[in-house]
Amino acid sequence: MTRPARRIIGTIAAALMLMTSLSMWALASPVGAGPDDDFHLASIWCGNGAREDLCGPGDDDRSREIPDKIAESACYAFHPEQDASCQGSDYLDEGYELGESTRVNTGNQYPSGFYFVSSFLASDNVAVSTILIRLLHSAIFTAMMIATWLFLPRALRLTLVASIALTFVPLGVFLIASVNPSSWALLSTAVLFPALLGFFATTGRQRIALGVISAVAALLGLSARGDAAAYTIVAVAAAAVLAFRPTKRFALTALLPLLLVVLAAVAFLTAGQTGLALGGTAEPVPGGPSKLTLLGMNLLSLPALWAGIFGLNWGLGWLDTTLHAVVWGATMFAFSGALFAALRWQGWRKLLALAGTGAAAVVVPVYILVSMRTTVGYEVQPRYVLPLITLFLATAIAPAIHSGLRGSAEESTPRAALRFSPVQIWVMAVLLGAAQSVALYDNLRRYTGPGTLSPSGDVAWWWAAGPTPLVVWLLGSAAFAALMALLAVIGSRYMRSLDAQPAAV
């Protein structure tokens, strides 16, 4: 089989594995299972304005008429002992009544793009529409990942897949296949940074394609969450620092990233979320800790927030889906090992980029916590800092971009600086595959009750049609494990091809 044929087959296989895994996550939770899903579902149903039988005007500008099934969806929230059967036997049927609610995106709380796109799948069947919306976001993520992989220089592909694989289990995969705007925010930062590095390092059609991918990734984030605008600025800055050259060519190439920064700055300053974060929401408590004390307390406790993205002490969903320790144990081990291996001297530009992304992962959550006069464990959730942790790891893994032949297409070619042995690669793949499988089971078990692994599908709650919970778990586990194995094979071959090359310094 020729190399192009193998590449086509491998790409198709990777896309199918990724989409299958995310699709199983889309089925693994009932309607309303994501954080604040009652708010986000209502905002989706009203994302295209008032529509007959879908969304109606409320008594004032802050309220809307929304389906009562949305308002009642999260009957199990904050009650981990309660499965999803509390929704009732007729919840999955068509039809509902409209009722007034203020739990909807009115005014300037969230950007409207995410809700507008998702609203085209809203219908009179809340359950079916929820699944379709989750599948849509899974497909968008898959398409962006595959497109970025295909156009990236070979040396930058590790930056893309390793940073995502090592930080998205379990929280990231849960959110990607959800109706939460964090789905697009996570995708945006994870794809934008490596795509921009490739944009700086390539020429011709490859550069144009990566420029388009970078712009799409940024726009997805800006249309989903206000804080995604801040993450866009950090990602663009880190990529520009790593690729910087005091040349006219670099200045011209930097026009697109500069435009993205301007758009992000405007989006950040006009977002309702930004006003809350910058202004704070709490008055000083008489006799309470000072801001300086809160600063110290939050700095000392901040690792607990970072660890939450791996499932340690922070559950999925409404933070009430507890995960077995093997999930966070395996993922934190793999993440820490990769990060430690990547932390080596690669020049002042790399140090500056790492310092900037690392500082953002500290300053952003701590500033918000102090301004709200609270501590780690309240207000700021791990999903808010996950994009910054992904970006920090991607910056650490990213190769330096070295000068090549003047005037040639290789004037700025990236060369791998990070080396993993095949054993290290396979250990990480096995750990991630196992952690993802256990997390998927824990999530299913939370909502279906003790019969999750029953071949007959005899459980307390499940969808009206489709595969049983056991099949969902087996398919989701197998697809993700196969994807990790495929990436391990590709990564091992790539590392062997570098054996004869000197490590970049």
Protein backbone atom coordinates (compact mmCIF):
# COMPACT_ATOMS: atom_id res chain seq x y z
CA MET A 1 0.00 0.00 0.00
CA THR A 2 1.37 3.42 -0.94
CA ARG A 3 2.05 6.12 1.64
CA PRO A 4 -0.76 8.43 0.36
CA ALA A 5 -3.21 5.54 0.58
CA ARG A 6 -2.15 4.73 4.14
CA ARG A 7 -2.48 8.38 5.07
CA ILE A 8 -6.02 8.57 3.67
CA ILE A 9 -7.10 5.38 5.41
CA GLY A 10 -5.49 6.48 8.67
CA THR A 11 -7.17 9.88 8.54
CA ILE A 12 -10.61 8.38 7.87
CA ALA A 13 -10.09 5.84 10.65
CA ALA A 14 -9.03 8.53 13.12
CA ALA A 15 -12.07 10.66 12.26
CA LEU A 16 -14.43 7.71 12.73
CA MET A 17 -12.83 6.72 16.03
CA LEU A 18 -12.97 10.26 17.40
CA MET A 19 -16.54 10.85 16.27
CA THR A 20 -17.68 7.49 17.61
CA SER A 21 -16.12 8.12 21.00
CA LEU A 22 -17.66 11.60 21.29
CA SER A 23 -21.03 10.29 20.08
CA MET A 24 -21.08 7.76 22.91
CA TRP A 25 -20.41 10.59 25.36
CA ALA A 26 -23.31 12.47 23.75
CA LEU A 27 -25.58 9.52 24.63
CA ALA A 28 -24.12 8.90 28.08
CA SER A 29 -26.03 11.71 29.82
CA PRO A 30 -29.71 12.69 29.98
CA VAL A 31 -31.10 16.05 28.98
CA GLY A 32 -29.82 18.75 31.33
CA ALA A 33 -26.79 16.82 32.58
CA GLY A 34 -24.18 19.45 31.74
CA PRO A 35 -23.34 22.33 34.09
CA ASP A 36 -26.11 24.98 33.89
CA ASP A 37 -27.74 23.05 31.04
CA ASP A 38 -31.18 24.37 31.89
CA PHE A 39 -29.85 27.86 31.13
CA HIS A 40 -27.98 26.82 27.98
CA LEU A 41 -30.84 24.74 26.55
CA ALA A 42 -33.30 27.60 27.10
CA SER A 43 -30.84 29.97 25.42
CA ILE A 44 -30.56 27.59 22.45
CA TRP A 45 -34.35 27.33 22.05
CA CYS A 46 -34.42 31.15 22.08
CA GLY A 47 -31.16 31.53 20.13
CA ASN A 48 -32.97 32.54 16.95
CA GLY A 49 -35.41 34.91 18.58
CA ALA A 50 -39.06 34.30 19.33
CA ARG A 51 -40.40 31.33 17.36
CA GLU A 52 -43.82 29.75 17.54
CA ASP A 53 -43.96 26.82 19.97
CA LEU A 54 -40.22 27.11 20.70
CA CYS A 55 -39.60 30.44 22.41
CA GLY A 56 -41.83 33.35 23.29
CA PRO A 57 -41.40 36.81 24.82
CA GLY A 58 -41.62 37.13 28.59
CA ASP A 59 -43.15 39.81 30.77
CA ASP A 60 -39.94 41.86 30.57
CA ASP A 61 -36.60 41.93 28.76
CA ARG A 62 -35.02 39.53 31.24
CA SER A 63 -37.46 36.63 30.76
CA ARG A 64 -38.66 34.36 27.96
CA GLU A 65 -41.31 31.70 27.48
CA ILE A 66 -39.38 28.40 27.26
CA PRO A 67 -40.29 24.68 27.26
CA ASP A 68 -41.16 23.47 30.74
CA LYS A 69 -39.21 20.26 30.09
CA ILE A 70 -36.02 22.33 29.90
CA ALA A 71 -36.69 24.04 33.21
CA GLU A 72 -37.42 20.65 34.83
CA SER A 73 -34.63 18.69 33.14
CA ALA A 74 -32.00 18.71 35.90
CA CYS A 75 -34.17 17.19 38.62
CA TYR A 76 -31.16 15.10 39.68
CA ALA A 77 -28.68 18.00 39.92
CA PHE A 78 -26.72 18.11 43.19
CA HIS A 79 -28.27 14.79 44.24
CA PRO A 80 -25.75 12.11 43.22
CA GLU A 81 -27.97 9.40 44.71
CA GLN A 82 -30.77 10.33 42.27
CA ASP A 83 -30.68 8.85 38.75
CA ALA A 84 -32.36 10.48 35.73
CA SER A 85 -35.63 8.56 36.13
CA CYS A 86 -36.92 11.56 38.07
CA GLN A 87 -37.64 13.23 34.73
CA GLY A 88 -40.71 11.02 34.37
CA SER A 89 -41.87 8.36 31.94
CA ASP A 90 -43.19 10.84 29.34
CA TYR A 91 -40.19 13.19 29.36
CA LEU A 92 -38.73 11.76 26.14
CA ASP A 93 -42.00 12.20 24.22
CA GLU A 94 -42.76 15.08 21.91
CA GLY A 95 -44.51 18.15 23.19
CA TYR A 96 -44.26 20.48 26.17
CA GLU A 97 -45.79 23.61 27.63
CA LEU A 98 -44.16 27.02 27.47
CA GLY A 99 -43.50 28.72 30.78
CA GLU A 100 -41.79 31.96 31.75
CA SER A 101 -38.20 31.83 32.99
CA THR A 102 -35.30 34.18 33.59
CA ARG A 103 -32.81 31.30 33.17
CA VAL A 104 -32.07 32.30 29.58
CA ASN A 105 -29.43 34.33 27.74
CA THR A 106 -31.00 37.78 27.56
CA GLY A 107 -29.07 41.01 27.34
CA ASN A 108 -25.32 40.58 27.18
CA GLN A 109 -24.59 37.58 29.40
CA TYR A 110 -23.09 35.27 26.78
CA PRO A 111 -22.17 35.78 23.11
CA SER A 112 -25.06 34.69 20.89
CA GLY A 113 -23.28 32.78 18.11
CA PHE A 114 -23.17 29.39 19.85
CA TYR A 115 -26.86 29.56 20.72
CA PHE A 116 -27.84 30.82 17.25
CA VAL A 117 -26.14 27.94 15.41
CA SER A 118 -27.46 25.33 17.84
CA SER A 119 -31.00 26.74 17.69
CA PHE A 120 -31.57 25.36 14.20
CA LEU A 121 -31.76 21.90 15.76
CA ALA A 122 -34.35 22.90 18.38
CA SER A 123 -37.71 21.17 17.96
CA ASP A 124 -40.78 20.06 19.90
CA ASN A 125 -38.85 17.02 21.13
CA VAL A 126 -36.32 18.26 23.68
CA ALA A 127 -34.59 14.89 24.03
CA VAL A 128 -33.99 14.29 20.32
CA SER A 129 -32.85 17.88 19.76
CA THR A 130 -30.44 17.66 22.70
CA ILE A 131 -28.79 14.56 21.22
CA LEU A 132 -28.57 16.17 17.78
CA ILE A 133 -26.99 19.32 19.20
CA ARG A 134 -24.42 17.27 21.09
CA LEU A 135 -23.61 15.32 17.93
CA LEU A 136 -23.28 18.59 15.97
CA HIS A 137 -20.68 19.93 18.39
CA SER A 138 -18.86 16.58 18.34
CA ALA A 139 -18.78 16.72 14.53
CA ILE A 140 -17.45 20.30 14.55
CA PHE A 141 -14.67 19.27 16.91
CA THR A 142 -13.82 16.23 14.80
CA ALA A 143 -13.76 18.23 11.57
CA MET A 144 -11.54 20.94 13.05
CA MET A 145 -9.13 18.39 14.49
CA ILE A 146 -8.80 16.43 11.25
CA ALA A 147 -8.41 19.56 9.12
CA THR A 148 -5.74 20.98 11.43
CA TRP A 149 -3.87 17.66 11.50
CA LEU A 150 -3.85 17.40 7.69
CA PHE A 151 -2.45 20.89 7.09
CA LEU A 152 -0.01 21.13 9.99
CA PRO A 153 3.69 20.47 9.36
CA ARG A 154 4.57 17.03 10.67
CA ALA A 155 6.62 18.39 13.56
CA LEU A 156 3.63 20.35 14.91
CA ARG A 157 1.13 17.49 14.95
CA LEU A 158 2.43 16.24 18.28
CA THR A 159 1.67 19.68 19.75
CA LEU A 160 -1.93 19.41 18.59
CA VAL A 161 -2.85 15.87 19.59
CA ALA A 162 -0.73 15.46 22.73
CA SER A 163 -1.91 18.69 24.38
CA ILE A 164 -5.55 17.77 23.77
CA ALA A 165 -5.34 14.07 24.61
CA LEU A 166 -3.42 14.72 27.83
CA THR A 167 -5.79 17.40 29.16
CA PHE A 168 -9.26 16.56 27.78
CA VAL A 169 -9.86 13.32 29.71
CA PRO A 170 -12.34 13.31 31.39
CA LEU A 171 -13.72 16.87 31.56
CA GLY A 172 -12.90 17.97 28.03
CA VAL A 173 -14.54 15.04 26.22
CA PHE A 174 -17.64 15.44 28.39
CA LEU A 175 -17.94 19.13 27.50
CA ILE A 176 -17.16 18.78 23.79
CA ALA A 177 -20.14 16.43 23.39
CA SER A 178 -22.51 18.72 25.28
CA VAL A 179 -24.82 21.70 24.79
CA ASN A 180 -22.51 23.91 26.86
CA PRO A 181 -20.71 26.86 25.17
CA SER A 182 -17.51 25.58 26.77
CA SER A 183 -17.51 23.01 23.94
CA TRP A 184 -16.51 25.70 21.44
CA ALA A 185 -14.30 27.54 23.93
CA LEU A 186 -12.20 24.41 24.52
CA LEU A 187 -11.99 23.66 20.81
CA SER A 188 -10.99 27.23 20.02
CA THR A 189 -7.93 27.46 22.26
CA ALA A 190 -6.77 23.89 21.63
CA VAL A 191 -6.75 24.30 17.84
CA LEU A 192 -5.82 27.98 17.54
CA PHE A 193 -2.33 27.78 19.04
CA PRO A 194 -0.89 24.92 16.90
CA ALA A 195 -2.70 26.23 13.81
CA LEU A 196 -1.10 29.64 14.23
CA LEU A 197 2.34 28.07 14.71
CA GLY A 198 1.79 26.24 11.44
CA PHE A 199 0.56 29.44 9.83
CA PHE A 200 3.81 31.19 10.73
CA ALA A 201 5.96 28.24 9.64
CA THR A 202 4.48 27.45 6.22
CA THR A 203 3.89 29.12 2.86
CA GLY A 204 1.45 29.03 -0.04
CA ARG A 205 -1.79 27.06 0.14
CA GLN A 206 -0.78 25.38 3.38
CA ARG A 207 -0.43 28.76 5.08
CA ILE A 208 -3.77 29.93 3.67
CA ALA A 209 -5.50 26.80 4.94
CA LEU A 210 -3.99 27.14 8.41
CA GLY A 211 -4.91 30.83 8.43
CA VAL A 212 -8.53 29.94 7.70
CA ILE A 213 -8.50 27.26 10.40
CA SER A 214 -7.04 29.74 12.89
CA ALA A 215 -9.71 32.32 12.07
CA VAL A 216 -12.53 29.78 12.34
CA ALA A 217 -11.18 28.46 15.66
CA ALA A 218 -10.96 31.99 17.09
CA LEU A 219 -14.45 32.93 15.88
CA LEU A 220 -15.94 29.79 17.41
CA GLY A 221 -14.50 30.74 20.78
CA LEU A 222 -15.50 34.39 20.53
CA SER A 223 -19.10 33.42 19.70
CA ALA A 224 -19.37 31.04 22.66
CA ARG A 225 -17.93 32.56 25.85
CA GLY A 226 -16.55 35.90 26.96
CA ASP A 227 -13.49 34.36 28.61
CA ALA A 228 -12.61 32.59 25.35
CA ALA A 229 -11.64 36.03 24.04
CA ALA A 230 -8.97 36.31 26.74
CA TYR A 231 -7.71 32.81 25.92
CA THR A 232 -7.52 33.78 22.24
CA ILE A 233 -5.27 36.71 23.06
CA VAL A 234 -2.98 34.51 25.19
CA ALA A 235 -2.81 31.83 22.46
CA VAL A 236 -1.99 34.35 19.72
CA ALA A 237 0.66 36.00 21.87
CA ALA A 238 2.31 32.66 22.70
CA ALA A 239 2.39 31.59 19.05
CA ALA A 240 3.76 34.96 17.93
CA VAL A 241 6.53 34.83 20.54
CA LEU A 242 7.62 31.35 19.48
CA ALA A 243 7.58 32.23 15.79
CA PHE A 244 8.98 35.76 16.06
CA ARG A 245 11.58 36.90 13.55
CA PRO A 246 12.70 40.53 13.09
CA THR A 247 11.81 40.45 9.39
CA LYS A 248 9.34 42.11 7.08
CA ARG A 249 7.93 38.70 6.21
CA PHE A 250 7.05 38.03 9.82
CA ALA A 251 5.43 41.46 10.18
CA LEU A 252 3.21 40.82 7.15
CA THR A 253 2.35 37.31 8.33
CA ALA A 254 1.42 38.66 11.75
CA LEU A 255 -1.39 40.81 10.32
CA LEU A 256 -3.92 37.98 10.61
CA PRO A 257 -3.03 37.14 14.23
CA LEU A 258 -3.13 40.86 15.02
CA LEU A 259 -6.64 41.07 13.56
CA LEU A 260 -7.69 38.13 15.74
CA VAL A 261 -6.31 39.92 18.80
CA VAL A 262 -8.28 43.07 17.96
CA LEU A 263 -11.50 41.07 17.51
CA ALA A 264 -10.84 39.20 20.75
CA ALA A 265 -10.17 42.41 22.66
CA VAL A 266 -13.45 43.93 21.46
CA ALA A 267 -15.33 40.73 22.32
CA PHE A 268 -13.71 40.55 25.76
CA LEU A 269 -14.46 44.14 26.69
CA THR A 270 -18.09 43.95 25.55
CA ALA A 271 -18.97 40.56 27.10
CA GLY A 272 -21.23 40.47 30.12
CA GLN A 273 -19.05 37.79 31.71
CA THR A 274 -16.09 40.18 31.59
CA GLY A 275 -17.92 42.80 33.60
CA LEU A 276 -18.67 40.29 36.32
CA ALA A 277 -15.09 39.03 36.40
CA LEU A 278 -13.46 42.46 36.44
CA GLY A 279 -15.90 44.17 38.75
CA GLY A 280 -16.51 41.39 41.23
CA THR A 281 -19.91 40.40 42.55
CA ALA A 282 -19.51 40.42 46.32
CA GLU A 283 -19.25 43.15 48.92
CA PRO A 284 -16.64 42.87 51.69
CA VAL A 285 -17.83 40.71 54.56
CA PRO A 286 -17.46 42.47 57.92
CA GLY A 287 -14.67 40.70 59.74
CA GLY A 288 -13.91 38.62 56.67
CA PRO A 289 -10.45 38.04 55.17
CA SER A 290 -8.75 40.91 53.35
CA LYS A 291 -7.93 40.74 49.66
CA LEU A 292 -4.30 40.09 50.51
CA THR A 293 -5.31 37.14 52.67
CA LEU A 294 -7.61 35.84 49.95
CA LEU A 295 -4.76 36.16 47.48
CA GLY A 296 -2.52 33.97 49.61
CA MET A 297 -5.26 31.42 50.29
CA ASN A 298 -6.10 31.07 46.62
CA LEU A 299 -2.51 30.79 45.50
CA LEU A 300 -1.94 27.98 47.98
CA SER A 301 -5.12 26.17 46.89
CA LEU A 302 -4.90 26.79 43.13
CA PRO A 303 -3.48 23.31 42.25
CA ALA A 304 -6.76 21.83 43.51
CA LEU A 305 -8.57 23.77 40.79
CA TRP A 306 -6.13 22.61 38.10
CA ALA A 307 -6.40 19.01 39.30
CA GLY A 308 -10.16 19.26 38.89
CA ILE A 309 -9.84 19.04 35.12
CA PHE A 310 -8.59 15.48 35.61
CA GLY A 311 -11.49 14.60 37.93
CA LEU A 312 -9.85 15.00 41.34
CA ASN A 313 -12.41 16.26 43.88
CA TRP A 314 -14.49 17.82 41.09
CA GLY A 315 -17.18 15.73 39.43
CA LEU A 316 -18.62 15.89 35.94
CA GLY A 317 -22.01 17.35 35.09
CA TRP A 318 -23.29 19.51 37.92
CA LEU A 319 -20.06 18.64 39.76
CA ASP A 320 -21.89 15.68 41.34
CA THR A 321 -20.72 12.77 39.15
CA THR A 322 -17.92 11.26 41.19
CA LEU A 323 -15.12 9.52 39.29
CA HIS A 324 -13.01 6.59 40.42
CA ALA A 325 -9.49 7.54 41.51
CA VAL A 326 -7.96 5.66 38.58
CA VAL A 327 -9.28 8.39 36.26
CA TRP A 328 -7.42 11.30 37.81
CA GLY A 329 -4.51 9.10 38.84
CA ALA A 330 -3.84 7.91 35.27
CA THR A 331 -4.44 11.25 33.57
CA MET A 332 -2.38 13.30 36.02
CA PHE A 333 0.49 10.80 35.76
CA ALA A 334 0.51 11.02 31.94
CA PHE A 335 0.13 14.81 31.93
CA SER A 336 2.87 15.35 34.50
CA GLY A 337 5.26 13.03 32.70
CA ALA A 338 4.80 14.76 29.37
CA LEU A 339 5.11 18.21 30.92
CA PHE A 340 8.25 17.28 32.84
CA ALA A 341 9.86 15.84 29.70
CA ALA A 342 9.02 19.01 27.77
CA LEU A 343 10.50 21.42 30.32
CA ARG A 344 13.98 21.81 28.93
CA TRP A 345 15.94 24.84 27.77
CA GLN A 346 14.92 25.80 24.24
CA GLY A 347 15.78 29.48 24.16
CA TRP A 348 14.44 32.71 25.53
CA ARG A 349 11.41 32.81 23.24
CA LYS A 350 10.22 29.47 24.54
CA LEU A 351 10.81 30.59 28.12
CA LEU A 352 8.84 33.79 27.54
CA ALA A 353 5.93 31.95 25.93
CA LEU A 354 5.83 29.42 28.76
CA ALA A 355 6.00 32.15 31.39
CA GLY A 356 3.11 33.99 29.73
CA THR A 357 0.78 31.01 29.41
CA GLY A 358 1.71 29.78 32.88
CA ALA A 359 1.05 33.21 34.38
CA ALA A 360 -2.37 33.30 32.69
CA ALA A 361 -3.28 29.94 34.26
CA VAL A 362 -2.49 31.49 37.65
CA VAL A 363 -3.59 35.11 37.34
CA VAL A 364 -6.96 34.63 35.61
CA PRO A 365 -8.61 32.30 38.17
CA VAL A 366 -6.97 33.95 41.19
CA TYR A 367 -8.03 37.43 40.11
CA ILE A 368 -11.63 36.32 39.65
CA LEU A 369 -11.69 34.50 42.98
CA VAL A 370 -10.26 37.45 44.88
CA SER A 371 -12.57 39.94 43.15
CA MET A 372 -15.52 37.76 44.14
CA ARG A 373 -14.11 37.50 47.66
CA THR A 374 -14.14 33.72 47.65
CA THR A 375 -11.67 30.85 47.53
CA VAL A 376 -10.91 27.82 45.36
CA GLY A 377 -13.91 25.53 45.43
CA TYR A 378 -16.47 28.24 44.70
CA GLU A 379 -17.49 30.30 41.64
CA VAL A 380 -14.54 29.33 39.39
CA GLN A 381 -14.80 25.78 38.06
CA PRO A 382 -12.08 23.63 36.43
CA ARG A 383 -13.74 24.00 33.01
CA TYR A 384 -12.91 27.71 33.08
CA VAL A 385 -9.17 27.04 33.38
CA LEU A 386 -8.99 23.92 31.19
CA PRO A 387 -8.23 25.93 28.00
CA LEU A 388 -5.28 27.57 29.75
CA ILE A 389 -3.88 24.23 30.96
CA THR A 390 -4.18 22.82 27.44
CA LEU A 391 -2.45 25.90 26.07
CA PHE A 392 0.33 25.69 28.66
CA LEU A 393 1.07 22.05 27.79
CA ALA A 394 0.91 22.81 24.07
CA THR A 395 3.41 25.64 24.55
CA ALA A 396 5.74 23.32 26.45
CA ILE A 397 5.52 20.61 23.77
CA ALA A 398 5.70 22.97 20.78
CA PRO A 399 8.96 22.84 18.80
CA ALA A 400 11.09 25.87 18.19
CA ILE A 401 10.78 27.34 14.70
CA HIS A 402 14.25 27.52 13.20
CA SER A 403 15.50 29.48 10.22
CA GLY A 404 16.12 27.46 7.09
CA LEU A 405 17.32 28.34 3.61
CA ARG A 406 16.81 32.01 2.88
CA GLY A 407 14.07 32.60 0.37
CA SER A 408 12.97 28.95 0.31
CA ALA A 409 9.74 27.36 1.51
CA GLU A 410 11.68 26.19 4.56
CA GLU A 411 12.59 29.65 5.75
CA SER A 412 10.84 28.93 9.06
CA THR A 413 10.54 25.20 9.53
CA PRO A 414 9.60 23.70 12.88
CA ARG A 415 11.86 20.95 14.19
CA ALA A 416 10.84 18.66 16.99
CA ALA A 417 12.50 19.41 20.29
CA LEU A 418 10.59 16.93 22.45
CA ARG A 419 11.44 13.24 22.16
CA PHE A 420 9.40 10.37 23.60
CA SER A 421 10.41 6.73 23.42
CA PRO A 422 7.87 4.26 22.00
CA VAL A 423 7.44 2.83 25.49
CA GLN A 424 6.58 6.27 26.91
CA ILE A 425 4.12 6.90 24.10
CA TRP A 426 2.36 3.57 24.58
CA VAL A 427 2.18 3.99 28.35
CA MET A 428 0.44 7.34 27.91
CA ALA A 429 -1.93 5.86 25.32
CA VAL A 430 -2.89 2.96 27.61
CA LEU A 431 -3.38 5.23 30.62
CA LEU A 432 -5.60 7.64 28.69
CA GLY A 433 -7.63 4.82 27.15
CA ALA A 434 -8.24 3.24 30.55
CA ALA A 435 -9.10 6.56 32.22
CA GLN A 436 -11.56 7.49 29.48
CA SER A 437 -13.29 4.12 29.74
CA VAL A 438 -13.72 4.34 33.51
CA ALA A 439 -14.92 7.96 33.30
CA LEU A 440 -17.50 7.02 30.65
CA TYR A 441 -18.74 4.17 32.83
CA ASP A 442 -18.94 6.42 35.92
CA ASN A 443 -20.95 8.96 33.95
CA LEU A 444 -23.37 6.31 32.65
CA ARG A 445 -23.73 4.73 36.07
CA ARG A 446 -24.59 8.11 37.61
CA TYR A 447 -27.76 8.47 35.51
CA THR A 448 -28.87 4.91 34.64
CA GLY A 449 -28.58 3.30 38.04
CA PRO A 450 -27.03 -0.05 38.98
CA GLY A 451 -27.99 -1.85 35.75
CA THR A 452 -25.54 0.03 33.52
CA LEU A 453 -23.71 -3.12 32.40
CA SER A 454 -26.87 -5.16 31.91
CA PRO A 455 -26.90 -6.66 28.37
CA SER A 456 -30.68 -6.19 28.21
CA GLY A 457 -30.48 -2.51 29.05
CA ASP A 458 -32.79 -2.90 32.06
CA VAL A 459 -31.91 0.37 33.79
CA ALA A 460 -33.68 3.10 35.73
CA TRP A 461 -33.31 5.62 32.89
CA TRP A 462 -32.37 5.47 29.23
CA TRP A 463 -33.27 6.93 25.85
CA ALA A 464 -36.38 5.69 24.05
CA ALA A 465 -34.31 4.14 21.27
CA GLY A 466 -30.71 3.42 20.34
CA PRO A 467 -27.93 1.26 21.79
CA THR A 468 -28.09 0.08 25.40
CA PRO A 469 -25.85 1.64 28.05
CA LEU A 470 -23.56 -1.40 27.87
CA VAL A 471 -23.12 -0.98 24.10
CA VAL A 472 -22.49 2.76 24.52
CA TRP A 473 -19.79 2.04 27.08
CA LEU A 474 -18.14 -0.68 24.99
CA LEU A 475 -18.22 1.34 21.77
CA GLY A 476 -17.02 4.52 23.45
CA SER A 477 -14.21 2.71 25.24
CA ALA A 478 -13.11 0.73 22.17
CA ALA A 479 -13.20 3.73 19.82
CA PHE A 480 -11.13 5.91 22.13
CA ALA A 481 -8.65 3.12 22.88
CA ALA A 482 -8.26 2.46 19.16
CA LEU A 483 -7.68 6.17 18.54
CA MET A 484 -5.00 6.27 21.23
CA ALA A 485 -3.37 3.15 19.72
CA LEU A 486 -3.39 4.71 16.25
CA LEU A 487 -1.81 7.90 17.55
CA ALA A 488 0.76 5.82 19.47
CA VAL A 489 1.74 4.02 16.27
CA ILE A 490 2.05 7.29 14.36
CA GLY A 491 3.95 8.93 17.20
CA SER A 492 6.36 6.01 17.58
CA ARG A 493 7.15 6.01 13.87
CA TYR A 494 7.72 9.74 13.94
CA MET A 495 10.05 9.54 16.92
CA ARG A 496 12.05 6.75 15.24
CA SER A 497 12.41 8.95 12.18
CA LEU A 498 14.07 11.58 14.39
CA ASP A 499 16.68 9.23 15.82
CA ALA A 500 19.23 10.24 13.21
CA GLN A 501 18.54 13.94 13.72
CA PRO A 502 20.09 16.08 16.47
CA ALA A 503 17.64 17.36 19.07
CA ALA A 504 16.68 20.98 18.58
CA VAL A 505 18.08 23.39 21.12
